[in-house]
Amino acid sequence: MNRIFGILILLTPLFWTACGCPPDEKIGDLSLSDAAKNFLTYDGSETLVFQNASATELRFTAIRGKEVSEDQLCYRTTCTEAKFNSPSSCEYYLAESERFGFFSEDNNIVFDLLLYSDVYDYVTAEFYDAFHLGFSFAASSIVGRHIIEARFVGDFDISTLDITDLFQLEASIVLNGETYNDILVYEENSLAVYIEPGKGIIGFKNTQDTWTLQH
């Protein structure tokens, strides 16, 4: 009896190992679409100069330049272990992203700009590209996202996503006396950011001032 019990003890680790999930499986690579790559025209080396109505300037640089990453984007779970808090396995694409962090000279104002891909419908290899904005001005900050395009053919119902597109497209908008056309606007509380697709940030504001791009 003791001999049988000993054999069972020895086999237990092998049993759990055999029941463990296999490693995640890479299915392919997912580069950003042309629409996403062209949404911002930065290369990470530029200095952005903004000016308010009083001609005061603010300068921003991307201190880490253009950050290109590849991250695992799971779209289908292939194995889930029965053990509590144990890892599962998935099929995934290695998805490209681009990020720019623009800081003012005093680091008091920051723009965090991210272009990335995400899963539209888990289980199917259907993706979409999006833009993420983080904007902080002193103690105030906002975060918004904008859907750039679907990466598949068929119906694209944004209401089914876990994110909300907070940007509004304005056909025409006036900032500091200048008119801008086809601008994406995200405004929350006392902060606002103005994005021109195919270019980048053309303006922003806080409680006191509106700032527009000069260079």
C-alpha atoms as a PDB file:
ATOM      1  CA  MET A   1       0.000   0.000   0.000  1.00  0.00           C
ATOM      2  CA  ASN A   2       2.842   2.365   0.916  1.00  0.00           C
ATOM      3  CA  ARG A   3       4.555   1.502  -2.354  1.00  0.00           C
ATOM      4  CA  ILE A   4       1.424   2.418  -4.370  1.00  0.00           C
ATOM      5  CA  PHE A   5       1.061   5.665  -2.440  1.00  0.00           C
ATOM      6  CA  GLY A   6       4.688   6.528  -3.172  1.00  0.00           C
ATOM      7  CA  ILE A   7       4.218   5.933  -6.892  1.00  0.00           C
ATOM      8  CA  LEU A   8       1.179   8.208  -6.903  1.00  0.00           C
ATOM      9  CA  ILE A   9       3.178  10.967  -5.191  1.00  0.00           C
ATOM     10  CA  LEU A  10       5.905  10.659  -7.842  1.00  0.00           C
ATOM     11  CA  LEU A  11       3.403  10.763 -10.683  1.00  0.00           C
ATOM     12  CA  THR A  12       1.503  13.804  -9.393  1.00  0.00           C
ATOM     13  CA  PRO A  13       3.978  16.442 -10.746  1.00  0.00           C
ATOM     14  CA  LEU A  14       4.014  14.656 -14.097  1.00  0.00           C
ATOM     15  CA  PHE A  15       0.222  14.681 -14.148  1.00  0.00           C
ATOM     16  CA  TRP A  16       0.053  18.455 -13.567  1.00  0.00           C
ATOM     17  CA  THR A  17       2.799  19.071 -16.137  1.00  0.00           C
ATOM     18  CA  ALA A  18       0.939  16.986 -18.717  1.00  0.00           C
ATOM     19  CA  CYS A  19      -2.215  18.973 -18.018  1.00  0.00           C
ATOM     20  CA  GLY A  20      -0.439  22.340 -18.361  1.00  0.00           C
ATOM     21  CA  CYS A  21      -1.211  24.587 -21.318  1.00  0.00           C
ATOM     22  CA  PRO A  22       1.266  24.775 -24.193  1.00  0.00           C
ATOM     23  CA  PRO A  23       3.058  28.047 -24.994  1.00  0.00           C
ATOM     24  CA  ASP A  24       1.211  30.801 -26.840  1.00  0.00           C
ATOM     25  CA  GLU A  25       1.297  30.316 -30.603  1.00  0.00           C
ATOM     26  CA  LYS A  26       2.284  33.121 -32.939  1.00  0.00           C
ATOM     27  CA  ILE A  27       0.092  33.191 -36.051  1.00  0.00           C
ATOM     28  CA  GLY A  28       1.653  36.150 -37.823  1.00  0.00           C
ATOM     29  CA  ASP A  29       2.779  39.771 -37.770  1.00  0.00           C
ATOM     30  CA  LEU A  30       0.428  42.755 -37.760  1.00  0.00           C
ATOM     31  CA  SER A  31       1.906  46.036 -38.956  1.00  0.00           C
ATOM     32  CA  LEU A  32       0.010  49.286 -38.566  1.00  0.00           C
ATOM     33  CA  SER A  33      -2.132  50.165 -41.552  1.00  0.00           C
ATOM     34  CA  ASP A  34      -1.155  53.009 -43.869  1.00  0.00           C
ATOM     35  CA  ALA A  35      -4.045  55.016 -42.424  1.00  0.00           C
ATOM     36  CA  ALA A  36      -2.591  54.637 -38.916  1.00  0.00           C
ATOM     37  CA  LYS A  37       0.993  55.317 -39.986  1.00  0.00           C
ATOM     38  CA  ASN A  38      -0.122  58.473 -41.784  1.00  0.00           C
ATOM     39  CA  PHE A  39      -2.415  59.688 -39.011  1.00  0.00           C
ATOM     40  CA  LEU A  40       0.557  61.508 -37.429  1.00  0.00           C
ATOM     41  CA  THR A  41       3.482  62.783 -39.495  1.00  0.00           C
ATOM     42  CA  TYR A  42       6.064  62.971 -36.712  1.00  0.00           C
ATOM     43  CA  ASP A  43       9.451  61.281 -36.890  1.00  0.00           C
ATOM     44  CA  GLY A  44      10.373  62.042 -33.277  1.00  0.00           C
ATOM     45  CA  SER A  45      13.118  64.571 -34.009  1.00  0.00           C
ATOM     46  CA  GLU A  46      10.962  67.687 -34.434  1.00  0.00           C
ATOM     47  CA  THR A  47      10.308  70.532 -32.030  1.00  0.00           C
ATOM     48  CA  LEU A  48       6.663  71.587 -31.836  1.00  0.00           C
ATOM     49  CA  VAL A  49       6.158  75.287 -31.185  1.00  0.00           C
ATOM     50  CA  PHE A  50       2.776  76.574 -29.997  1.00  0.00           C
ATOM     51  CA  GLN A  51       1.735  80.156 -29.396  1.00  0.00           C
ATOM     52  CA  ASN A  52      -1.138  81.752 -27.506  1.00  0.00           C
ATOM     53  CA  ALA A  53      -3.001  84.964 -28.362  1.00  0.00           C
ATOM     54  CA  SER A  54      -0.357  86.997 -26.495  1.00  0.00           C
ATOM     55  CA  ALA A  55       2.440  85.521 -28.656  1.00  0.00           C
ATOM     56  CA  THR A  56       3.911  83.554 -25.753  1.00  0.00           C
ATOM     57  CA  GLU A  57       5.541  80.369 -27.022  1.00  0.00           C
ATOM     58  CA  LEU A  58       5.682  76.835 -25.686  1.00  0.00           C
ATOM     59  CA  ARG A  59       8.145  74.333 -27.154  1.00  0.00           C
ATOM     60  CA  PHE A  60       7.781  70.547 -27.073  1.00  0.00           C
ATOM     61  CA  THR A  61      10.204  67.757 -27.929  1.00  0.00           C
ATOM     62  CA  ALA A  62       9.835  63.994 -27.968  1.00  0.00           C
ATOM     63  CA  ILE A  63      12.643  63.170 -25.563  1.00  0.00           C
ATOM     64  CA  ARG A  64      12.556  59.462 -26.453  1.00  0.00           C
ATOM     65  CA  GLY A  65      11.970  60.095 -30.148  1.00  0.00           C
ATOM     66  CA  LYS A  66       9.728  57.753 -32.091  1.00  0.00           C
ATOM     67  CA  GLU A  67       9.187  54.547 -30.116  1.00  0.00           C
ATOM     68  CA  VAL A  68       8.268  51.533 -32.246  1.00  0.00           C
ATOM     69  CA  SER A  69       7.227  48.386 -30.394  1.00  0.00           C
ATOM     70  CA  GLU A  70       5.893  44.930 -31.153  1.00  0.00           C
ATOM     71  CA  ASP A  71       3.515  43.420 -28.617  1.00  0.00           C
ATOM     72  CA  GLN A  72       1.654  40.147 -28.357  1.00  0.00           C
ATOM     73  CA  LEU A  73      -1.981  40.646 -29.374  1.00  0.00           C
ATOM     74  CA  CYS A  74      -4.021  37.578 -28.419  1.00  0.00           C
ATOM     75  CA  TYR A  75      -7.216  37.036 -30.379  1.00  0.00           C
ATOM     76  CA  ARG A  76      -8.224  33.495 -29.392  1.00  0.00           C
ATOM     77  CA  THR A  77      -7.757  31.433 -26.215  1.00  0.00           C
ATOM     78  CA  THR A  78      -6.636  27.907 -27.048  1.00  0.00           C
ATOM     79  CA  CYS A  79      -6.175  26.420 -23.579  1.00  0.00           C
ATOM     80  CA  THR A  80      -7.274  27.213 -20.041  1.00  0.00           C
ATOM     81  CA  GLU A  81      -5.884  25.193 -17.143  1.00  0.00           C
ATOM     82  CA  ALA A  82      -8.254  23.963 -14.442  1.00  0.00           C
ATOM     83  CA  LYS A  83      -5.909  25.010 -11.664  1.00  0.00           C
ATOM     84  CA  PHE A  84      -6.733  28.265  -9.856  1.00  0.00           C
ATOM     85  CA  ASN A  85      -4.874  31.334 -11.179  1.00  0.00           C
ATOM     86  CA  SER A  86      -2.989  29.247 -13.734  1.00  0.00           C
ATOM     87  CA  PRO A  87      -1.902  30.635 -17.114  1.00  0.00           C
ATOM     88  CA  SER A  88      -3.828  30.063 -20.321  1.00  0.00           C
ATOM     89  CA  SER A  89      -2.611  29.885 -23.912  1.00  0.00           C
ATOM     90  CA  CYS A  90      -3.635  31.902 -26.926  1.00  0.00           C
ATOM     91  CA  GLU A  91      -3.060  32.382 -30.612  1.00  0.00           C
ATOM     92  CA  TYR A  92      -1.619  35.818 -31.245  1.00  0.00           C
ATOM     93  CA  TYR A  93      -0.241  38.276 -33.736  1.00  0.00           C
ATOM     94  CA  LEU A  94       2.867  40.314 -33.050  1.00  0.00           C
ATOM     95  CA  ALA A  95       1.349  43.779 -33.401  1.00  0.00           C
ATOM     96  CA  GLU A  96       3.275  46.932 -34.213  1.00  0.00           C
ATOM     97  CA  SER A  97       2.704  50.230 -32.374  1.00  0.00           C
ATOM     98  CA  GLU A  98       4.191  53.719 -32.543  1.00  0.00           C
ATOM     99  CA  ARG A  99       4.459  56.152 -29.644  1.00  0.00           C
ATOM    100  CA  PHE A 100       5.534  59.768 -29.194  1.00  0.00           C
ATOM    101  CA  GLY A 101       5.881  61.526 -25.858  1.00  0.00           C
ATOM    102  CA  PHE A 102       6.127  65.298 -26.328  1.00  0.00           C
ATOM    103  CA  PHE A 103       7.227  67.266 -23.252  1.00  0.00           C
ATOM    104  CA  SER A 104       7.312  71.020 -22.715  1.00  0.00           C
ATOM    105  CA  GLU A 105      10.648  72.517 -21.710  1.00  0.00           C
ATOM    106  CA  ASP A 106       9.606  72.633 -18.042  1.00  0.00           C
ATOM    107  CA  ASN A 107       7.925  69.184 -18.234  1.00  0.00           C
ATOM    108  CA  ASN A 108       4.710  70.809 -17.032  1.00  0.00           C
ATOM    109  CA  ILE A 109       2.761  69.843 -20.163  1.00  0.00           C
ATOM    110  CA  VAL A 110       2.887  66.384 -21.757  1.00  0.00           C
ATOM    111  CA  PHE A 111       1.329  64.774 -24.819  1.00  0.00           C
ATOM    112  CA  ASP A 112       1.384  60.968 -24.958  1.00  0.00           C
ATOM    113  CA  LEU A 113       0.456  59.856 -28.478  1.00  0.00           C
ATOM    114  CA  LEU A 114       0.046  56.165 -29.324  1.00  0.00           C
ATOM    115  CA  LEU A 115      -0.942  54.433 -32.566  1.00  0.00           C
ATOM    116  CA  TYR A 116      -1.868  50.780 -32.050  1.00  0.00           C
ATOM    117  CA  SER A 117      -3.955  47.804 -33.197  1.00  0.00           C
ATOM    118  CA  ASP A 118      -6.523  45.926 -31.133  1.00  0.00           C
ATOM    119  CA  VAL A 119      -8.927  42.998 -31.447  1.00  0.00           C
ATOM    120  CA  TYR A 120     -12.398  43.753 -32.762  1.00  0.00           C
ATOM    121  CA  ASP A 121     -14.027  40.386 -32.109  1.00  0.00           C
ATOM    122  CA  TYR A 122     -12.240  37.970 -29.796  1.00  0.00           C
ATOM    123  CA  VAL A 123     -12.018  34.501 -31.365  1.00  0.00           C
ATOM    124  CA  THR A 124     -11.747  35.861 -34.921  1.00  0.00           C
ATOM    125  CA  ALA A 125      -8.637  37.450 -36.413  1.00  0.00           C
ATOM    126  CA  GLU A 126     -10.363  40.790 -36.986  1.00  0.00           C
ATOM    127  CA  PHE A 127      -8.555  43.920 -35.874  1.00  0.00           C
ATOM    128  CA  TYR A 128      -8.823  47.694 -35.941  1.00  0.00           C
ATOM    129  CA  ASP A 129      -6.318  50.530 -35.629  1.00  0.00           C
ATOM    130  CA  ALA A 130      -6.746  53.320 -33.098  1.00  0.00           C
ATOM    131  CA  PHE A 131      -5.152  56.447 -31.687  1.00  0.00           C
ATOM    132  CA  HIS A 132      -4.659  57.008 -27.954  1.00  0.00           C
ATOM    133  CA  LEU A 133      -4.086  60.484 -26.525  1.00  0.00           C
ATOM    134  CA  GLY A 134      -2.909  61.327 -23.046  1.00  0.00           C
ATOM    135  CA  PHE A 135      -2.705  65.055 -22.303  1.00  0.00           C
ATOM    136  CA  SER A 136      -1.622  66.569 -19.006  1.00  0.00           C
ATOM    137  CA  PHE A 137      -1.348  70.254 -18.188  1.00  0.00           C
ATOM    138  CA  ALA A 138       0.036  70.837 -14.703  1.00  0.00           C
ATOM    139  CA  ALA A 139      -2.310  68.981 -12.310  1.00  0.00           C
ATOM    140  CA  SER A 140      -5.068  68.395 -14.885  1.00  0.00           C
ATOM    141  CA  SER A 141      -5.123  65.520 -17.372  1.00  0.00           C
ATOM    142  CA  ILE A 142      -7.391  63.804 -19.902  1.00  0.00           C
ATOM    143  CA  VAL A 143      -7.257  60.566 -21.882  1.00  0.00           C
ATOM    144  CA  GLY A 144      -9.089  59.942 -25.146  1.00  0.00           C
ATOM    145  CA  ARG A 145      -9.156  57.441 -27.998  1.00  0.00           C
ATOM    146  CA  HIS A 146     -10.088  57.626 -31.648  1.00  0.00           C
ATOM    147  CA  ILE A 147     -10.849  54.729 -33.992  1.00  0.00           C
ATOM    148  CA  ILE A 148      -8.822  55.130 -37.194  1.00  0.00           C
ATOM    149  CA  GLU A 149     -10.092  52.221 -39.305  1.00  0.00           C
ATOM    150  CA  ALA A 150     -11.191  48.592 -39.344  1.00  0.00           C
ATOM    151  CA  ARG A 151      -8.667  46.039 -40.596  1.00  0.00           C
ATOM    152  CA  PHE A 152     -11.263  43.672 -42.047  1.00  0.00           C
ATOM    153  CA  VAL A 153     -14.101  43.586 -44.555  1.00  0.00           C
ATOM    154  CA  GLY A 154     -17.606  43.635 -43.108  1.00  0.00           C
ATOM    155  CA  ASP A 155     -19.704  45.521 -40.577  1.00  0.00           C
ATOM    156  CA  PHE A 156     -17.751  47.475 -37.968  1.00  0.00           C
ATOM    157  CA  ASP A 157     -19.953  48.251 -34.977  1.00  0.00           C
ATOM    158  CA  ILE A 158     -17.983  50.593 -32.695  1.00  0.00           C
ATOM    159  CA  SER A 159     -20.597  50.220 -29.936  1.00  0.00           C
ATOM    160  CA  THR A 160     -19.417  46.649 -29.295  1.00  0.00           C
ATOM    161  CA  LEU A 161     -15.897  47.782 -28.351  1.00  0.00           C
ATOM    162  CA  ASP A 162     -14.594  48.287 -24.839  1.00  0.00           C
ATOM    163  CA  ILE A 163     -13.449  51.799 -25.736  1.00  0.00           C
ATOM    164  CA  THR A 164     -15.367  54.947 -26.652  1.00  0.00           C
ATOM    165  CA  ASP A 165     -14.278  57.258 -29.446  1.00  0.00           C
ATOM    166  CA  LEU A 166     -14.262  60.595 -27.625  1.00  0.00           C
ATOM    167  CA  PHE A 167     -13.098  62.758 -30.528  1.00  0.00           C
ATOM    168  CA  GLN A 168     -15.577  64.855 -32.514  1.00  0.00           C
ATOM    169  CA  LEU A 169     -14.872  65.781 -36.133  1.00  0.00           C
ATOM    170  CA  GLU A 170     -15.404  69.499 -36.722  1.00  0.00           C
ATOM    171  CA  ALA A 171     -15.720  70.639 -40.344  1.00  0.00           C
ATOM    172  CA  SER A 172     -14.419  74.080 -39.377  1.00  0.00           C
ATOM    173  CA  ILE A 173     -13.055  75.574 -36.181  1.00  0.00           C
ATOM    174  CA  VAL A 174     -11.482  78.936 -35.274  1.00  0.00           C
ATOM    175  CA  LEU A 175      -8.508  79.030 -32.884  1.00  0.00           C
ATOM    176  CA  ASN A 176      -6.788  82.308 -32.044  1.00  0.00           C
ATOM    177  CA  GLY A 177      -8.310  83.939 -35.107  1.00  0.00           C
ATOM    178  CA  GLU A 178      -7.281  81.212 -37.578  1.00  0.00           C
ATOM    179  CA  THR A 179      -9.699  78.829 -39.271  1.00  0.00           C
ATOM    180  CA  TYR A 180      -8.888  75.109 -39.430  1.00  0.00           C
ATOM    181  CA  ASN A 181     -10.848  72.537 -41.408  1.00  0.00           C
ATOM    182  CA  ASP A 182     -11.652  68.872 -40.671  1.00  0.00           C
ATOM    183  CA  ILE A 183     -10.236  68.834 -37.149  1.00  0.00           C
ATOM    184  CA  LEU A 184     -10.702  66.135 -34.517  1.00  0.00           C
ATOM    185  CA  VAL A 185     -11.550  67.722 -31.179  1.00  0.00           C
ATOM    186  CA  TYR A 186     -11.443  66.165 -27.749  1.00  0.00           C
ATOM    187  CA  GLU A 187     -12.577  68.400 -24.913  1.00  0.00           C
ATOM    188  CA  GLU A 188     -13.079  67.466 -21.281  1.00  0.00           C
ATOM    189  CA  ASN A 189     -13.467  69.795 -18.329  1.00  0.00           C
ATOM    190  CA  SER A 190     -11.006  72.663 -18.809  1.00  0.00           C
ATOM    191  CA  LEU A 191      -8.735  70.930 -21.339  1.00  0.00           C
ATOM    192  CA  ALA A 192      -9.010  70.389 -25.088  1.00  0.00           C
ATOM    193  CA  VAL A 193      -6.784  69.033 -27.852  1.00  0.00           C
ATOM    194  CA  TYR A 194      -7.157  69.625 -31.587  1.00  0.00           C
ATOM    195  CA  ILE A 195      -5.813  67.038 -34.032  1.00  0.00           C
ATOM    196  CA  GLU A 196      -5.494  67.360 -37.794  1.00  0.00           C
ATOM    197  CA  PRO A 197      -5.441  63.829 -39.281  1.00  0.00           C
ATOM    198  CA  GLY A 198      -2.421  63.439 -41.511  1.00  0.00           C
ATOM    199  CA  LYS A 199      -0.493  66.031 -39.506  1.00  0.00           C
ATOM    200  CA  GLY A 200      -0.859  65.927 -35.725  1.00  0.00           C
ATOM    201  CA  ILE A 201      -1.623  68.346 -32.900  1.00  0.00           C
ATOM    202  CA  ILE A 202      -2.518  71.789 -34.247  1.00  0.00           C
ATOM    203  CA  GLY A 203      -3.694  73.254 -30.953  1.00  0.00           C
ATOM    204  CA  PHE A 204      -4.718  72.777 -27.346  1.00  0.00           C
ATOM    205  CA  LYS A 205      -6.184  74.782 -24.520  1.00  0.00           C
ATOM    206  CA  ASN A 206      -6.544  75.002 -20.776  1.00  0.00           C
ATOM    207  CA  THR A 207      -8.619  77.316 -18.616  1.00  0.00           C
ATOM    208  CA  GLN A 208      -6.514  80.397 -19.356  1.00  0.00           C
ATOM    209  CA  ASP A 209      -5.271  80.084 -22.945  1.00  0.00           C
ATOM    210  CA  THR A 210      -5.615  78.511 -26.362  1.00  0.00           C
ATOM    211  CA  TRP A 211      -2.354  77.539 -28.056  1.00  0.00           C
ATOM    212  CA  THR A 212      -1.907  76.934 -31.795  1.00  0.00           C
ATOM    213  CA  LEU A 213       0.913  75.282 -33.747  1.00  0.00           C
ATOM    214  CA  GLN A 214       3.500  77.610 -35.300  1.00  0.00           C
ATOM    215  CA  HIS A 215       6.067  75.172 -36.701  1.00  0.00           C
END
